[in-house]
Protein backbone atom coordinates (compact mmCIF):
# COMPACT_ATOMS: atom_id res chain seq x y z
CA MET A 1 -9.19 2.57 -14.89
CA LYS A 2 -8.07 3.88 -18.25
CA LEU A 3 -7.34 7.20 -19.99
CA SER A 4 -9.52 6.84 -23.01
CA ASP A 5 -11.82 4.03 -24.60
CA ASN A 6 -13.15 3.26 -28.00
CA GLY A 7 -16.23 1.75 -26.27
CA PRO A 8 -19.77 3.06 -25.97
CA GLY A 9 -18.57 6.35 -24.59
CA LYS A 10 -16.37 7.47 -27.23
CA VAL A 11 -16.41 11.10 -28.04
CA ASP A 12 -18.88 12.24 -30.71
CA MET A 13 -16.69 14.25 -33.07
CA LYS A 14 -19.68 16.06 -34.32
CA THR A 15 -19.72 18.12 -31.08
CA VAL A 16 -16.20 19.65 -31.42
CA LYS A 17 -14.71 22.22 -33.67
CA LEU A 18 -11.20 22.87 -34.61
CA GLU A 19 -8.71 25.24 -33.23
CA SER A 20 -5.37 24.68 -34.78
CA ASP A 21 -3.41 27.56 -33.19
CA LEU A 22 -3.05 26.19 -29.63
CA VAL A 23 -2.11 22.52 -29.55
CA GLY A 24 1.59 21.88 -29.90
CA SER A 25 2.10 25.45 -31.04
CA GLY A 26 2.96 26.93 -27.61
CA LEU A 27 1.21 29.89 -25.96
CA GLN A 28 1.63 32.42 -28.49
CA GLY A 29 -0.12 35.74 -29.02
CA GLU A 30 -1.45 35.96 -25.52
CA ASN A 31 0.30 38.77 -23.45
CA HIS A 32 -0.57 37.09 -20.03
CA GLN A 33 0.91 33.82 -21.29
CA ASN A 34 4.09 35.30 -22.62
CA ALA A 35 4.51 36.97 -19.21
CA GLN A 36 4.13 33.70 -17.47
CA LEU A 37 6.69 31.96 -19.68
CA ALA A 38 9.12 34.78 -18.88
CA GLU A 39 8.40 34.05 -15.22
CA PHE A 40 9.19 30.40 -15.79
CA ARG A 41 12.43 31.10 -17.56
CA ASN A 42 13.50 33.33 -14.49
CA SER A 43 12.37 30.67 -12.17
CA ILE A 44 14.25 27.84 -13.79
CA ALA A 45 17.48 30.07 -14.20
CA GLN A 46 17.38 30.99 -10.75
CA SER A 47 16.66 27.66 -9.15
CA GLY A 48 19.31 25.56 -10.92
CA ARG A 49 20.89 22.99 -8.59
CA GLN A 50 19.13 24.39 -5.61
CA GLU A 51 15.81 23.67 -6.93
CA PHE A 52 16.82 20.12 -7.69
CA GLU A 53 18.29 19.50 -3.95
CA GLU A 54 15.17 21.03 -2.56
CA ASN A 55 12.84 18.82 -4.55
CA ARG A 56 14.84 15.59 -4.38
CA CYS A 57 12.62 14.32 -1.52
CA SER A 58 9.31 15.66 -2.84
CA THR A 59 6.46 13.11 -2.33
CA ALA A 60 4.86 14.20 -5.53
CA LEU A 61 7.81 13.00 -7.74
CA SER A 62 7.66 10.40 -10.27
CA ASN A 63 9.12 6.98 -9.04
CA GLY A 64 10.00 5.95 -12.61
CA GLN A 65 6.93 3.63 -12.93
CA SER A 66 5.23 3.50 -16.31
CA ALA A 67 1.96 5.16 -16.58
CA SER A 68 0.50 2.19 -18.35
CA SER A 69 1.06 0.35 -14.99
CA VAL A 70 -1.33 2.79 -13.11
CA LEU A 71 -3.89 3.57 -15.63
CA GLU A 72 -4.65 1.62 -18.89
CA GLN A 73 -3.90 3.51 -21.95
CA GLY A 74 -6.25 3.64 -24.69
CA GLN A 75 -6.41 5.70 -28.09
CA SER A 76 -9.15 6.94 -30.27
CA PRO A 77 -8.60 8.41 -33.74
CA VAL A 78 -8.89 12.15 -33.62
CA ASP A 79 -7.96 14.87 -35.97
CA ASP A 80 -4.41 16.20 -35.26
CA THR A 81 -5.47 19.84 -34.74
CA GLY A 82 -6.64 21.76 -31.81
CA ILE A 83 -10.07 21.11 -30.56
CA SER A 84 -12.79 22.68 -28.43
CA SER A 85 -16.28 21.74 -27.34
CA ALA A 86 -19.10 23.55 -29.25
CA SER A 87 -21.50 22.65 -26.38
CA THR A 88 -22.28 25.45 -24.13
CA ILE A 89 -23.69 23.12 -21.51
CA CYS A 90 -21.80 20.51 -19.35
CA PRO A 91 -24.49 18.04 -18.50
CA ALA A 92 -25.18 17.61 -14.88
CA PRO A 93 -25.49 13.99 -13.36
CA LEU A 94 -28.61 12.06 -13.88
CA CYS A 95 -29.24 12.52 -10.13
CA ARG A 96 -28.12 15.45 -8.29
CA GLN A 97 -28.71 14.14 -4.69
CA PHE A 98 -25.56 12.13 -3.44
CA TRP A 99 -27.40 9.43 -1.53
CA LYS A 100 -29.48 8.59 -4.38
CA ALA A 101 -26.86 9.07 -7.29
CA GLY A 102 -25.72 5.26 -6.93
CA ASN A 103 -27.99 3.79 -9.37
CA TYR A 104 -25.85 3.11 -12.48
CA ASP A 105 -26.86 1.14 -15.66
CA ASP A 106 -24.24 0.87 -18.25
CA GLY A 107 -26.43 -1.35 -20.25
CA LEU A 108 -23.64 -3.88 -20.74
CA GLY A 109 -22.87 -7.17 -18.95
CA SER A 110 -19.56 -7.47 -16.94
CA LYS A 111 -16.51 -8.04 -18.94
CA VAL A 112 -13.12 -9.53 -18.49
CA THR A 113 -10.14 -8.18 -20.43
CA PHE A 114 -7.56 -10.38 -21.57
CA GLN A 115 -4.08 -8.90 -22.27
CA ASN A 116 -1.06 -10.92 -23.23
CA GLY A 117 -2.94 -14.03 -21.59
CA LYS A 118 -3.71 -12.22 -18.32
CA ASN A 119 -6.85 -11.16 -16.67
CA TYR A 120 -7.12 -7.54 -15.88
CA LEU A 121 -9.62 -6.23 -13.16
CA HIS A 122 -11.75 -3.24 -14.08
CA VAL A 123 -13.01 -0.64 -11.72
CA HIS A 124 -16.64 0.10 -12.52
CA PRO A 125 -17.79 3.78 -12.21
CA MET A 126 -20.23 2.88 -9.65
CA PHE A 127 -17.44 2.25 -7.23
CA LEU A 128 -16.69 5.97 -7.43
CA HIS A 129 -20.09 6.60 -5.69
CA SER A 130 -19.92 3.58 -3.31
CA ASN A 131 -16.38 4.45 -2.33
CA ALA A 132 -17.49 8.01 -1.49
CA THR A 133 -20.14 7.01 0.86
CA SER A 134 -17.53 6.41 3.50
CA HIS A 135 -17.80 10.21 4.09
CA LYS A 136 -21.10 10.77 5.83
CA TRP A 137 -20.27 14.30 6.55
CA ALA A 138 -19.41 16.97 3.66
CA PHE A 139 -16.94 18.73 5.89
CA GLY A 140 -15.09 15.46 6.55
CA ALA A 141 -14.54 15.27 2.91
CA ILE A 142 -13.25 18.69 2.68
CA ALA A 143 -10.96 18.17 5.60
CA GLU A 144 -9.40 15.17 3.55
CA LEU A 145 -8.51 17.49 0.75
CA LEU A 146 -6.79 20.01 3.19
CA ASP A 147 -4.91 17.31 4.55
CA ASN A 148 -3.11 16.87 1.18
CA ALA A 149 -2.19 20.61 1.48
CA ILE A 150 -0.92 20.21 5.00
CA ASP A 151 1.27 17.27 3.94
CA GLU A 152 2.78 19.63 1.28
CA ILE A 153 4.17 21.94 3.87
CA GLN A 154 7.44 19.91 3.63
CA ASN A 155 7.53 20.74 0.01
CA GLY A 156 7.28 24.43 0.71
CA ALA A 157 3.48 24.94 0.70
CA SER A 158 2.55 28.11 2.65
CA PHE A 159 -1.12 28.40 2.14
CA VAL A 160 -4.30 26.51 0.95
CA ILE A 161 -7.09 28.35 -0.49
CA VAL A 162 -10.83 27.06 0.03
CA ASP A 163 -13.31 29.22 -1.86
CA LYS A 164 -16.20 29.43 -4.17
CA THR A 165 -15.88 29.65 -7.86
CA LEU A 166 -18.19 29.45 -10.75
CA ASN A 167 -18.70 26.84 -13.53
CA PRO A 168 -18.39 28.72 -16.61
CA ARG A 169 -20.76 26.55 -18.49
CA ASP A 170 -23.97 27.36 -16.51
CA GLY A 171 -22.94 29.70 -13.77
CA SER A 172 -23.52 27.07 -11.02
CA PRO A 173 -21.29 27.09 -7.79
CA ALA A 174 -18.22 25.00 -7.54
CA LEU A 175 -15.64 24.37 -4.88
CA LEU A 176 -11.95 25.55 -5.31
CA ILE A 177 -9.14 24.09 -3.20
CA GLN A 178 -5.70 25.35 -4.14
CA ASP A 179 -2.29 25.06 -2.61
CA ASN A 180 1.13 26.12 -3.54
CA GLY A 181 3.05 23.08 -2.66
CA GLY A 182 5.23 20.94 -4.90
CA GLY A 183 2.64 20.09 -7.52
CA MET A 184 2.44 16.75 -9.36
CA ASP A 185 4.38 15.64 -12.37
CA PRO A 186 2.40 13.70 -14.98
CA GLU A 187 3.19 10.20 -13.26
CA ALA A 188 2.23 11.54 -9.85
CA MET A 189 -1.05 12.90 -11.32
CA ARG A 190 -1.92 9.49 -12.47
CA ARG A 191 -1.16 7.80 -9.17
CA CYS A 192 -3.34 10.79 -7.57
CA MET A 193 -6.32 9.59 -9.89
CA SER A 194 -5.69 6.05 -9.20
CA PHE A 195 -6.81 3.70 -6.29
CA GLY A 196 -4.39 2.65 -3.69
CA PHE A 197 -1.38 4.39 -4.88
CA SER A 198 0.11 6.91 -2.26
CA ASP A 199 3.56 8.92 -2.54
CA LYS A 200 3.43 9.85 1.06
CA LYS A 201 6.42 8.07 2.78
CA ASN A 202 6.87 10.53 5.55
CA LYS A 203 5.76 9.01 8.92
CA SER A 204 4.27 12.25 9.97
CA ALA A 205 1.96 12.55 6.84
CA ILE A 206 -1.69 12.44 7.51
CA GLY A 207 -2.64 10.58 4.35
CA GLN A 208 -1.51 7.02 3.82
CA TYR A 209 -4.08 4.98 2.01
CA GLY A 210 -4.20 6.61 -1.38
CA ASN A 211 -7.97 6.72 -1.42
CA GLY A 212 -8.56 10.13 0.27
CA PHE A 213 -8.86 12.22 -3.00
CA LYS A 214 -11.37 10.10 -4.69
CA THR A 215 -13.67 9.56 -1.77
CA SER A 216 -13.60 13.19 -0.76
CA THR A 217 -14.17 14.77 -4.11
CA MET A 218 -16.77 12.36 -5.19
CA ARG A 219 -18.68 13.07 -1.88
CA LEU A 220 -18.76 16.76 -2.48
CA GLY A 221 -19.76 16.68 -6.34
CA ALA A 222 -20.14 14.48 -9.33
CA ASP A 223 -17.17 15.86 -11.15
CA VAL A 224 -13.77 17.24 -10.45
CA ILE A 225 -10.88 18.60 -12.60
CA VAL A 226 -7.39 19.04 -11.29
CA PHE A 227 -4.53 21.33 -12.44
CA SER A 228 -1.18 20.89 -11.20
CA ARG A 229 2.18 22.43 -12.24
CA HIS A 230 5.49 20.87 -11.22
CA LEU A 231 9.13 22.14 -11.49
CA HIS A 232 11.88 19.72 -10.90
CA GLU A 233 15.56 19.74 -12.17
CA ARG A 234 14.61 22.79 -14.16
CA ALA A 235 11.89 20.80 -16.00
CA LEU A 236 8.39 22.51 -15.93
CA THR A 237 5.23 20.28 -16.41
CA GLN A 238 1.64 20.90 -16.40
CA SER A 239 -0.99 18.29 -16.06
CA ILE A 240 -4.88 18.39 -16.21
CA GLY A 241 -7.15 15.49 -15.05
CA LEU A 242 -10.78 14.90 -15.02
CA LEU A 243 -12.51 12.40 -12.68
CA SER A 244 -16.11 12.74 -13.75
CA TYR A 245 -19.05 10.62 -12.60
CA THR A 246 -21.30 12.49 -14.91
CA PHE A 247 -19.11 11.64 -18.07
CA LEU A 248 -18.98 8.06 -17.07
CA SER A 249 -22.61 7.55 -16.26
CA ARG A 250 -23.96 9.51 -19.42
CA THR A 251 -21.62 7.61 -21.76
CA GLY A 252 -22.35 4.31 -20.36
CA HIS A 253 -18.82 3.21 -19.53
CA ASP A 254 -18.30 -0.13 -17.65
CA ARG A 255 -14.92 1.00 -16.31
CA ILE A 256 -13.47 4.17 -15.02
CA VAL A 257 -11.93 6.61 -17.67
CA VAL A 258 -9.92 9.44 -16.83
CA PRO A 259 -9.20 11.89 -19.51
CA MET A 260 -5.66 13.57 -18.79
CA VAL A 261 -3.38 15.80 -20.56
CA ASP A 262 0.25 16.87 -20.01
CA TYR A 263 2.17 19.75 -21.27
CA GLU A 264 5.98 20.34 -21.06
CA PHE A 265 7.91 23.62 -21.30
CA ASN A 266 10.52 23.60 -23.84
CA SER A 267 13.26 25.77 -22.81
CA ALA A 268 14.94 25.95 -26.23
CA LYS A 269 11.75 27.17 -28.03
CA GLY A 270 10.54 29.18 -24.99
CA LYS A 271 6.93 27.89 -25.07
CA LEU A 272 4.78 25.23 -23.76
CA GLU A 273 4.29 22.03 -25.82
CA PHE A 274 2.02 19.08 -25.38
CA SER A 275 4.13 15.93 -23.84
CA GLN A 276 5.34 13.66 -26.37
CA ARG A 277 5.55 10.76 -23.90
CA ARG A 278 2.21 9.32 -25.12
CA GLY A 279 1.83 10.57 -28.60
CA LYS A 280 -0.18 13.43 -30.23
CA GLU A 281 -3.04 11.06 -30.95
CA HIS A 282 -3.45 10.06 -27.35
CA PHE A 283 -3.18 13.72 -26.28
CA MET A 284 -5.74 14.80 -28.80
CA SER A 285 -8.26 12.06 -27.60
CA ASN A 286 -7.90 13.02 -24.03
CA LEU A 287 -8.09 16.73 -24.76
CA SER A 288 -11.44 16.36 -26.69
CA MET A 289 -13.11 14.45 -23.69
CA LEU A 290 -11.93 17.22 -21.27
CA LEU A 291 -13.29 19.96 -23.48
CA GLN A 292 -16.56 18.26 -23.72
CA TRP A 293 -17.09 17.22 -20.10
CA SER A 294 -15.12 19.65 -18.00
CA PRO A 295 -16.29 23.26 -17.21
CA TYR A 296 -14.03 24.78 -20.02
CA SER A 297 -14.86 24.53 -23.67
CA THR A 298 -11.59 25.47 -25.31
CA GLU A 299 -7.91 24.63 -24.73
CA ALA A 300 -7.17 28.25 -23.93
CA GLU A 301 -9.54 28.25 -21.10
CA LEU A 302 -8.07 25.02 -19.65
CA LEU A 303 -4.63 26.58 -19.72
CA LYS A 304 -5.73 30.04 -18.26
CA GLN A 305 -6.49 28.11 -15.06
CA PHE A 306 -2.77 27.89 -14.42
CA ASP A 307 -2.38 31.80 -14.60
CA ASP A 308 -2.61 31.99 -10.69
CA ILE A 309 -0.84 28.81 -9.58
CA GLY A 310 2.82 30.18 -9.80
CA SER A 311 5.78 28.08 -10.66
CA ARG A 312 4.29 24.77 -8.81
CA GLY A 313 1.08 24.03 -7.00
CA THR A 314 -2.24 22.25 -7.40
CA LYS A 315 -5.79 23.52 -8.12
CA VAL A 316 -8.84 21.22 -7.48
CA ILE A 317 -12.14 22.53 -8.77
CA ILE A 318 -15.23 20.20 -7.77
CA TYR A 319 -18.38 21.07 -9.89
CA ASN A 320 -21.98 19.59 -10.19
CA LEU A 321 -22.01 19.81 -6.45
CA TRP A 322 -24.49 17.53 -4.63
CA LEU A 323 -27.92 18.61 -3.44
CA ASN A 324 -29.53 17.99 -0.28
CA ASP A 325 -33.13 16.44 0.22
CA ASP A 326 -34.66 20.05 -0.34
CA GLY A 327 -33.04 20.09 -3.81
CA ILE A 328 -30.65 22.91 -2.64
CA VAL A 329 -26.78 22.76 -2.99
CA GLU A 330 -25.50 21.00 0.05
CA LEU A 331 -22.66 23.63 0.53
CA ASP A 332 -24.09 26.78 1.56
CA PHE A 333 -21.93 29.85 -0.13
CA ASP A 334 -24.59 32.61 0.52
CA THR A 335 -25.52 32.81 4.18
CA ASP A 336 -22.04 33.95 5.21
CA PRO A 337 -19.73 35.47 2.49
CA GLU A 338 -16.71 34.43 4.58
CA ASP A 339 -17.71 31.06 5.36
CA ILE A 340 -19.10 27.75 3.78
CA ARG A 341 -22.01 26.27 5.70
CA ILE A 342 -24.20 23.07 5.49
CA GLY A 343 -27.66 24.21 5.34
CA GLY A 344 -30.23 22.65 7.83
CA ASP A 345 -27.37 21.36 10.21
CA ILE A 346 -28.02 24.29 12.93
CA LYS A 347 -28.99 22.26 15.96
CA LYS A 348 -31.39 23.66 18.46
CA VAL A 349 -30.26 22.89 22.13
CA ASP A 350 -32.77 21.89 24.51
CA THR A 351 -31.91 24.01 27.65
CA ILE A 352 -33.43 26.78 29.71
CA PRO A 353 -33.80 30.04 27.71
CA ALA A 354 -31.23 31.87 29.52
CA TRP A 355 -28.44 29.42 28.62
CA ARG A 356 -29.71 28.65 24.76
CA THR A 357 -27.55 31.26 23.12
CA VAL A 358 -24.38 30.24 24.79
CA ASN A 359 -24.93 26.53 23.94
CA GLU A 360 -25.93 27.25 20.21
CA GLN A 361 -22.84 29.38 19.81
CA HIS A 362 -20.48 27.11 21.36
CA ILE A 363 -17.89 25.95 19.03
CA ALA A 364 -18.97 22.36 19.77
CA ASN A 365 -22.08 23.16 18.18
CA ARG A 366 -21.02 25.33 15.30
CA LEU A 367 -18.39 23.03 14.10
CA HIS A 368 -21.22 20.98 12.46
CA TYR A 369 -22.42 23.61 10.17
CA SER A 370 -19.79 26.27 9.88
CA LEU A 371 -16.69 25.13 7.87
CA ARG A 372 -14.80 28.04 9.45
CA ALA A 373 -15.50 26.86 12.92
CA TYR A 374 -14.41 23.22 11.97
CA LEU A 375 -11.35 24.33 10.21
CA SER A 376 -10.13 26.44 13.19
CA ILE A 377 -9.87 23.40 15.48
CA LEU A 378 -8.96 20.79 12.52
CA TYR A 379 -5.19 20.86 13.37
CA LEU A 380 -3.80 20.89 16.83
CA ARG A 381 -0.89 23.22 15.69
CA THR A 382 0.08 24.65 12.35
CA PRO A 383 3.31 26.30 11.35
CA GLU A 384 3.45 30.25 11.42
CA THR A 385 4.46 30.05 7.92
CA PHE A 386 1.30 28.18 6.65
CA GLN A 387 -2.18 29.77 6.34
CA ILE A 388 -5.57 28.38 5.68
CA ILE A 389 -7.61 30.85 3.84
CA LEU A 390 -11.38 30.47 3.63
CA ARG A 391 -13.50 32.67 1.35
CA GLY A 392 -10.71 35.26 1.26
CA ARG A 393 -10.13 35.61 4.98
CA LEU A 394 -7.43 33.67 7.36
CA VAL A 395 -8.70 30.86 9.33
CA GLU A 396 -7.52 31.48 13.09
CA ASN A 397 -6.36 28.49 14.93
CA HIS A 398 -8.53 27.73 17.86
CA ASN A 399 -6.82 25.97 20.77
CA LEU A 400 -9.56 24.13 22.46
CA ALA A 401 -7.32 23.71 25.68
CA ASN A 402 -7.53 27.51 26.09
CA ASP A 403 -11.30 27.18 26.53
CA LEU A 404 -10.88 25.12 29.80
CA LYS A 405 -10.60 26.30 33.45
CA PHE A 406 -9.27 24.35 36.32
CA GLN A 407 -7.12 22.37 34.12
CA GLU A 408 -5.33 19.06 34.97
CA PHE A 409 -2.68 17.25 32.89
CA ILE A 410 -2.96 13.54 32.98
CA LEU A 411 -0.50 10.92 31.60
CA TYR A 412 -1.83 7.55 30.32
CA ARG A 413 0.49 4.70 29.06
CA PRO A 414 -1.69 2.00 27.35
CA GLN A 415 -0.28 -1.42 27.34
CA SER A 416 -0.79 -4.18 25.17
CA GLY A 417 0.69 -7.73 25.82
CA GLY A 418 2.59 -6.32 28.63
CA CYS A 419 4.34 -3.78 26.69
CA VAL A 420 3.83 -0.10 26.72
CA GLU A 421 2.38 1.00 23.34
CA GLY A 422 2.99 4.75 23.88
CA GLN A 423 1.99 7.62 26.05
CA VAL A 424 -0.25 10.44 25.90
CA ILE A 425 -0.90 13.49 27.96
CA THR A 426 -4.61 14.67 28.33
CA THR A 427 -5.54 18.13 29.17
CA ILE A 428 -8.88 17.98 31.08
CA GLY A 429 -10.91 20.69 32.66
CA PHE A 430 -14.32 22.43 32.75
CA LEU A 431 -15.28 24.73 29.98
CA LYS A 432 -15.15 28.17 30.85
CA GLU A 433 -18.84 28.56 30.26
CA ALA A 434 -19.79 25.59 32.67
CA PRO A 435 -22.14 25.02 34.17
CA HIS A 436 -24.33 26.83 31.58
CA VAL A 437 -23.33 24.57 28.57
CA CYS A 438 -24.37 20.91 28.00
CA VAL A 439 -21.15 20.22 26.11
CA HIS A 440 -18.73 17.55 27.29
CA GLY A 441 -16.35 14.99 25.66
CA PHE A 442 -12.77 14.58 24.44
CA ASN A 443 -11.22 16.09 21.36
CA VAL A 444 -8.95 13.22 20.24
CA TYR A 445 -6.18 14.09 17.47
CA HIS A 446 -3.96 11.98 15.54
CA LYS A 447 -0.55 13.04 13.90
CA ASN A 448 -1.93 16.71 14.69
CA ARG A 449 -5.29 16.10 12.96
CA LEU A 450 -8.69 16.15 14.83
CA ILE A 451 -10.26 12.82 14.34
CA LEU A 452 -13.15 12.77 17.12
CA PRO A 453 -14.38 16.37 18.22
CA PHE A 454 -16.02 16.52 21.61
CA TRP A 455 -16.35 12.70 21.86
CA PRO A 456 -18.91 11.86 24.51
CA VAL A 457 -17.36 8.84 26.20
CA VAL A 458 -19.97 9.18 29.01
CA SER A 459 -23.76 9.91 29.22
CA TYR A 460 -25.21 11.69 32.05
CA ALA A 461 -28.78 11.83 33.30
CA ASP A 462 -27.95 13.69 36.52
CA SER A 463 -25.18 16.14 35.30
CA ARG A 464 -22.30 14.06 36.36
CA GLY A 465 -19.66 14.84 33.67
CA ARG A 466 -21.39 17.99 32.46
CA GLY A 467 -19.02 20.53 31.10
CA VAL A 468 -15.89 18.24 31.48
CA VAL A 469 -13.81 18.48 28.15
CA GLY A 470 -10.30 16.99 27.32
CA VAL A 471 -7.80 17.53 24.47
CA LEU A 472 -5.25 14.82 23.60
CA GLU A 473 -3.11 13.62 20.62
CA ALA A 474 -3.33 9.66 20.42
CA ASN A 475 -0.89 8.56 17.85
CA PHE A 476 -0.90 4.83 19.25
CA ILE A 477 -4.33 4.13 17.66
CA GLU A 478 -5.23 4.42 14.02
CA PRO A 479 -7.95 6.45 12.29
CA THR A 480 -10.49 4.90 9.99
CA HIS A 481 -10.16 5.77 6.34
CA ASN A 482 -12.54 8.80 6.39
CA LYS A 483 -10.60 10.07 9.49
CA GLN A 484 -13.85 10.75 11.33
CA ASP A 485 -13.42 7.86 13.68
CA PHE A 486 -10.89 5.47 15.09
CA GLU A 487 -10.35 1.58 14.18
CA ARG A 488 -12.02 -0.35 17.08
CA THR A 489 -8.94 -2.15 18.35
CA SER A 490 -8.25 -3.26 21.86
CA LEU A 491 -6.03 -0.19 22.36
CA PHE A 492 -8.89 2.09 21.47
CA GLN A 493 -11.21 0.29 23.63
CA LYS A 494 -8.80 0.79 26.53
CA LEU A 495 -8.46 4.35 25.78
CA GLU A 496 -12.19 4.75 25.86
CA GLY A 497 -12.50 3.11 29.17
CA ARG A 498 -9.65 5.15 30.62
CA LEU A 499 -11.33 8.34 29.43
CA LYS A 500 -14.49 7.47 30.82
CA GLU A 501 -12.73 6.72 34.33
CA MET A 502 -10.79 10.10 33.93
CA THR A 503 -14.21 12.10 33.44
CA TRP A 504 -15.92 10.51 36.43
CA GLU A 505 -12.55 11.28 38.67
CA TYR A 506 -12.38 14.69 37.43
CA TRP A 507 -15.98 15.49 38.08
CA ASP A 508 -16.23 13.81 41.55
CA TYR A 509 -13.45 15.71 42.90
CA HIS A 510 -13.90 19.10 41.11
CA CYS A 511 -17.68 19.69 40.44
CA GLY A 512 -17.76 21.78 43.62
CA LEU A 513 -15.85 24.46 41.64
CA ILE A 514 -18.79 25.13 39.36
CA GLY A 515 -21.64 24.96 41.96
CA TYR A 516 -22.60 21.29 42.16
CA HIS A 517 -22.43 19.16 45.39
CA VAL A 518 -19.14 17.63 45.79
CA ARG A 519 -19.60 13.69 45.58
CA LYS A 520 -16.28 12.87 47.01
CA LYS A 521 -14.72 14.90 49.89
CA TYR A 522 -10.89 15.38 49.87
CA PRO A 523 -9.22 13.44 52.61
CA ALA A 524 -6.18 15.18 54.41
CA PRO A 525 -3.25 15.38 52.09
CA GLY A 526 -0.54 12.67 52.41
CA PRO A 527 3.12 13.49 51.87
CA LYS A 528 4.04 14.81 48.62
CA GLN A 529 5.12 12.32 46.04
CA ASP A 530 7.10 14.51 43.71
CA SER A 531 7.94 13.18 40.31
CA SER A 532 6.35 9.65 41.03
CA LEU A 533 3.59 7.40 40.16
CA ILE A 534 1.64 5.67 42.92
CA MET A 535 1.71 1.92 42.33
CA ALA A 536 -0.95 -0.68 43.15
CA ASN A 537 1.13 -1.81 46.21
CA GLY A 538 1.65 1.70 47.54
CA LYS A 539 5.15 2.00 46.21
CA THR A 540 6.25 4.85 44.07
CA LYS A 541 7.91 4.77 40.71
CA PRO A 542 9.61 7.79 39.20
CA VAL A 543 8.22 9.29 36.27
CA LYS A 544 10.35 11.49 34.20
CA PHE A 545 9.82 13.30 30.70
CA SER A 546 12.73 13.86 28.84
CA GLN A 547 10.67 15.76 26.32
CA SER A 548 7.06 16.88 26.00
CA SER A 549 4.31 14.80 24.64
CA PRO A 550 3.38 15.40 21.10
CA ALA A 551 0.11 16.58 22.23
CA VAL A 552 1.66 19.40 24.10
CA GLY A 553 3.97 20.76 21.43
CA SER A 554 6.54 22.31 23.92
CA ALA A 555 10.17 21.40 23.94
CA ARG A 556 10.38 22.00 27.70
CA ALA A 557 10.72 19.19 29.98
CA TRP A 558 7.96 18.57 32.73
CA SER A 559 7.74 16.66 35.91
CA ALA A 560 4.92 14.53 36.87
CA THR A 561 3.13 13.98 40.25
CA ALA A 562 0.65 11.58 41.19
CA CYS A 563 -2.73 13.20 42.61
CA HIS A 564 -3.44 11.43 45.99
CA TYR A 565 -7.07 11.76 45.36
CA CYS A 566 -7.64 11.11 41.60
CA LYS A 567 -5.04 8.50 41.43
CA SER A 568 -3.84 9.97 38.12
CA VAL A 569 -0.44 11.14 37.10
CA LYS A 570 -0.39 14.81 37.15
CA ILE A 571 2.02 16.97 35.06
CA SER A 572 3.40 20.34 36.51
CA GLY A 573 2.77 19.60 40.12
CA SER A 574 0.14 17.78 42.21
CA CYS A 575 -3.64 18.72 41.93
CA LYS A 576 -3.94 22.18 43.58
CA LEU A 577 -7.53 21.23 44.68
CA ASN A 578 -5.81 19.05 47.36
CA SER A 579 -5.11 21.97 49.37
CA GLY A 580 -8.61 23.55 48.73
CA GLU A 581 -7.37 26.22 46.29
CA GLN A 582 -9.77 27.11 43.71
CA GLU A 583 -7.63 28.88 41.17
CA THR A 584 -6.81 27.42 37.90
CA PRO A 585 -3.66 25.20 38.14
CA SER A 586 -0.79 26.35 36.32
CA THR A 587 -1.10 25.51 32.63
CA MET A 588 1.27 23.59 30.35
CA PRO A 589 1.98 26.11 27.23
CA GLY A 590 1.44 24.86 23.65
CA ILE A 591 -1.67 22.59 24.06
């Protein structure tokens, strides 16, 4: 990857005009820009040492690595004055349907670059498309971008906005995702645009591979432009980067080129100036490509995008959104002004007419076509200080465990090679709408993030397992790169087998509560085995919880009791159905 190139994709200077009053001259003559600068001065003055301490551990900070080790640097001779694109149209990609957009002809044979006697690998633009095919589902790609905002909570983020915006070139819809986290300095921006570089060192961070931004943005649209403002040690920077499949394919590049420009606030002069780190010629070369291929045709329009970011934060705009097979934009912004939908994904449920509505309106069905429904269950818990705002309205967190009746809490301790790999508490029960709903399965979270929603570990032909749903947070298995499944390890296979057994056990002993014939009758209750686990030899082993499971999210300690009938470890007392009671067992708060 590189920032600019003198190859076949070089900018045609006939398409640009000059504007000498912006580049390097600060933001003068604009009232809103002057007000912004005043705000920056106040922020810098007030932050002082406190700002330095607060941001010392920011994951978006530069690690001192030279940009040339992340993105190759290239320069094109450009006039040293300000520029803007004279074109009124930002060309759309050659093919607007994602699954057909992989054909790429650069008209060139493969090359190997030699620098200082060393071979350098180039990433071909076709990789942007093939890499993005890991996301089969558009909402999964959006969730990947929201994960970045969630990870920024540790840097002070209090909201993430997901909304529709317009491409000013042609008025077409674009997707906006914006947060007020720590932002990215110039080096962090380059790592974000590169492959395999991740600044996320915190073990609780959702992202870890350094690939999610590229796969998710390229899955949603052909092009993305990123604006990020960063404030650290009283130094303010603004960076703009463009990852454009349209630009690369139309100009015939044989490698990925990422136009990027940086600005720094000069406190002595009280104005923004282009960064001197890479020279003015390099800056002008990249700016010319941004103005020709981004939605913004002037430098002033580019800089105006920072107006609503504040002292720090990041704004991502994905444009030239992909079309579906019918030639319609895949993301539907029009059906519901407070939601984003995927057209054509509303599933008709095959059931009796009286039950059809409750099945079609259940969240297990709606999450496939309604982004609001999906985001409401995407995170097991979110801080009260953080908000997800979709189309101008807050997304309310939906706790799936609250949808269950006759709940049980079952402890599972997976083992590998004779060693316990972790523990997880599963909340299991019938959906409150059972037996009228055809839904069943487990909602499996990893590090607070939903990976598998309503995972059907069993299939039933005779209603066995119908309406049985579980919720758990399994941090001992690893998700796949697209975070829509788990790696098929032996631990995962053991979990799958245990959840299948759990479903059968729960159904066989509890199905009578929702009107089905009981498959297994309850024997006479034996003596209570409080806070113990029944072993294979009939002996008991104490089970203690010094703190709650991560899936529970409560600081309160709980005791465990083995159910004599289900042979499972029950939390908060034995199974109340042992004694014939049909009320809902006492629930554990927080899940």
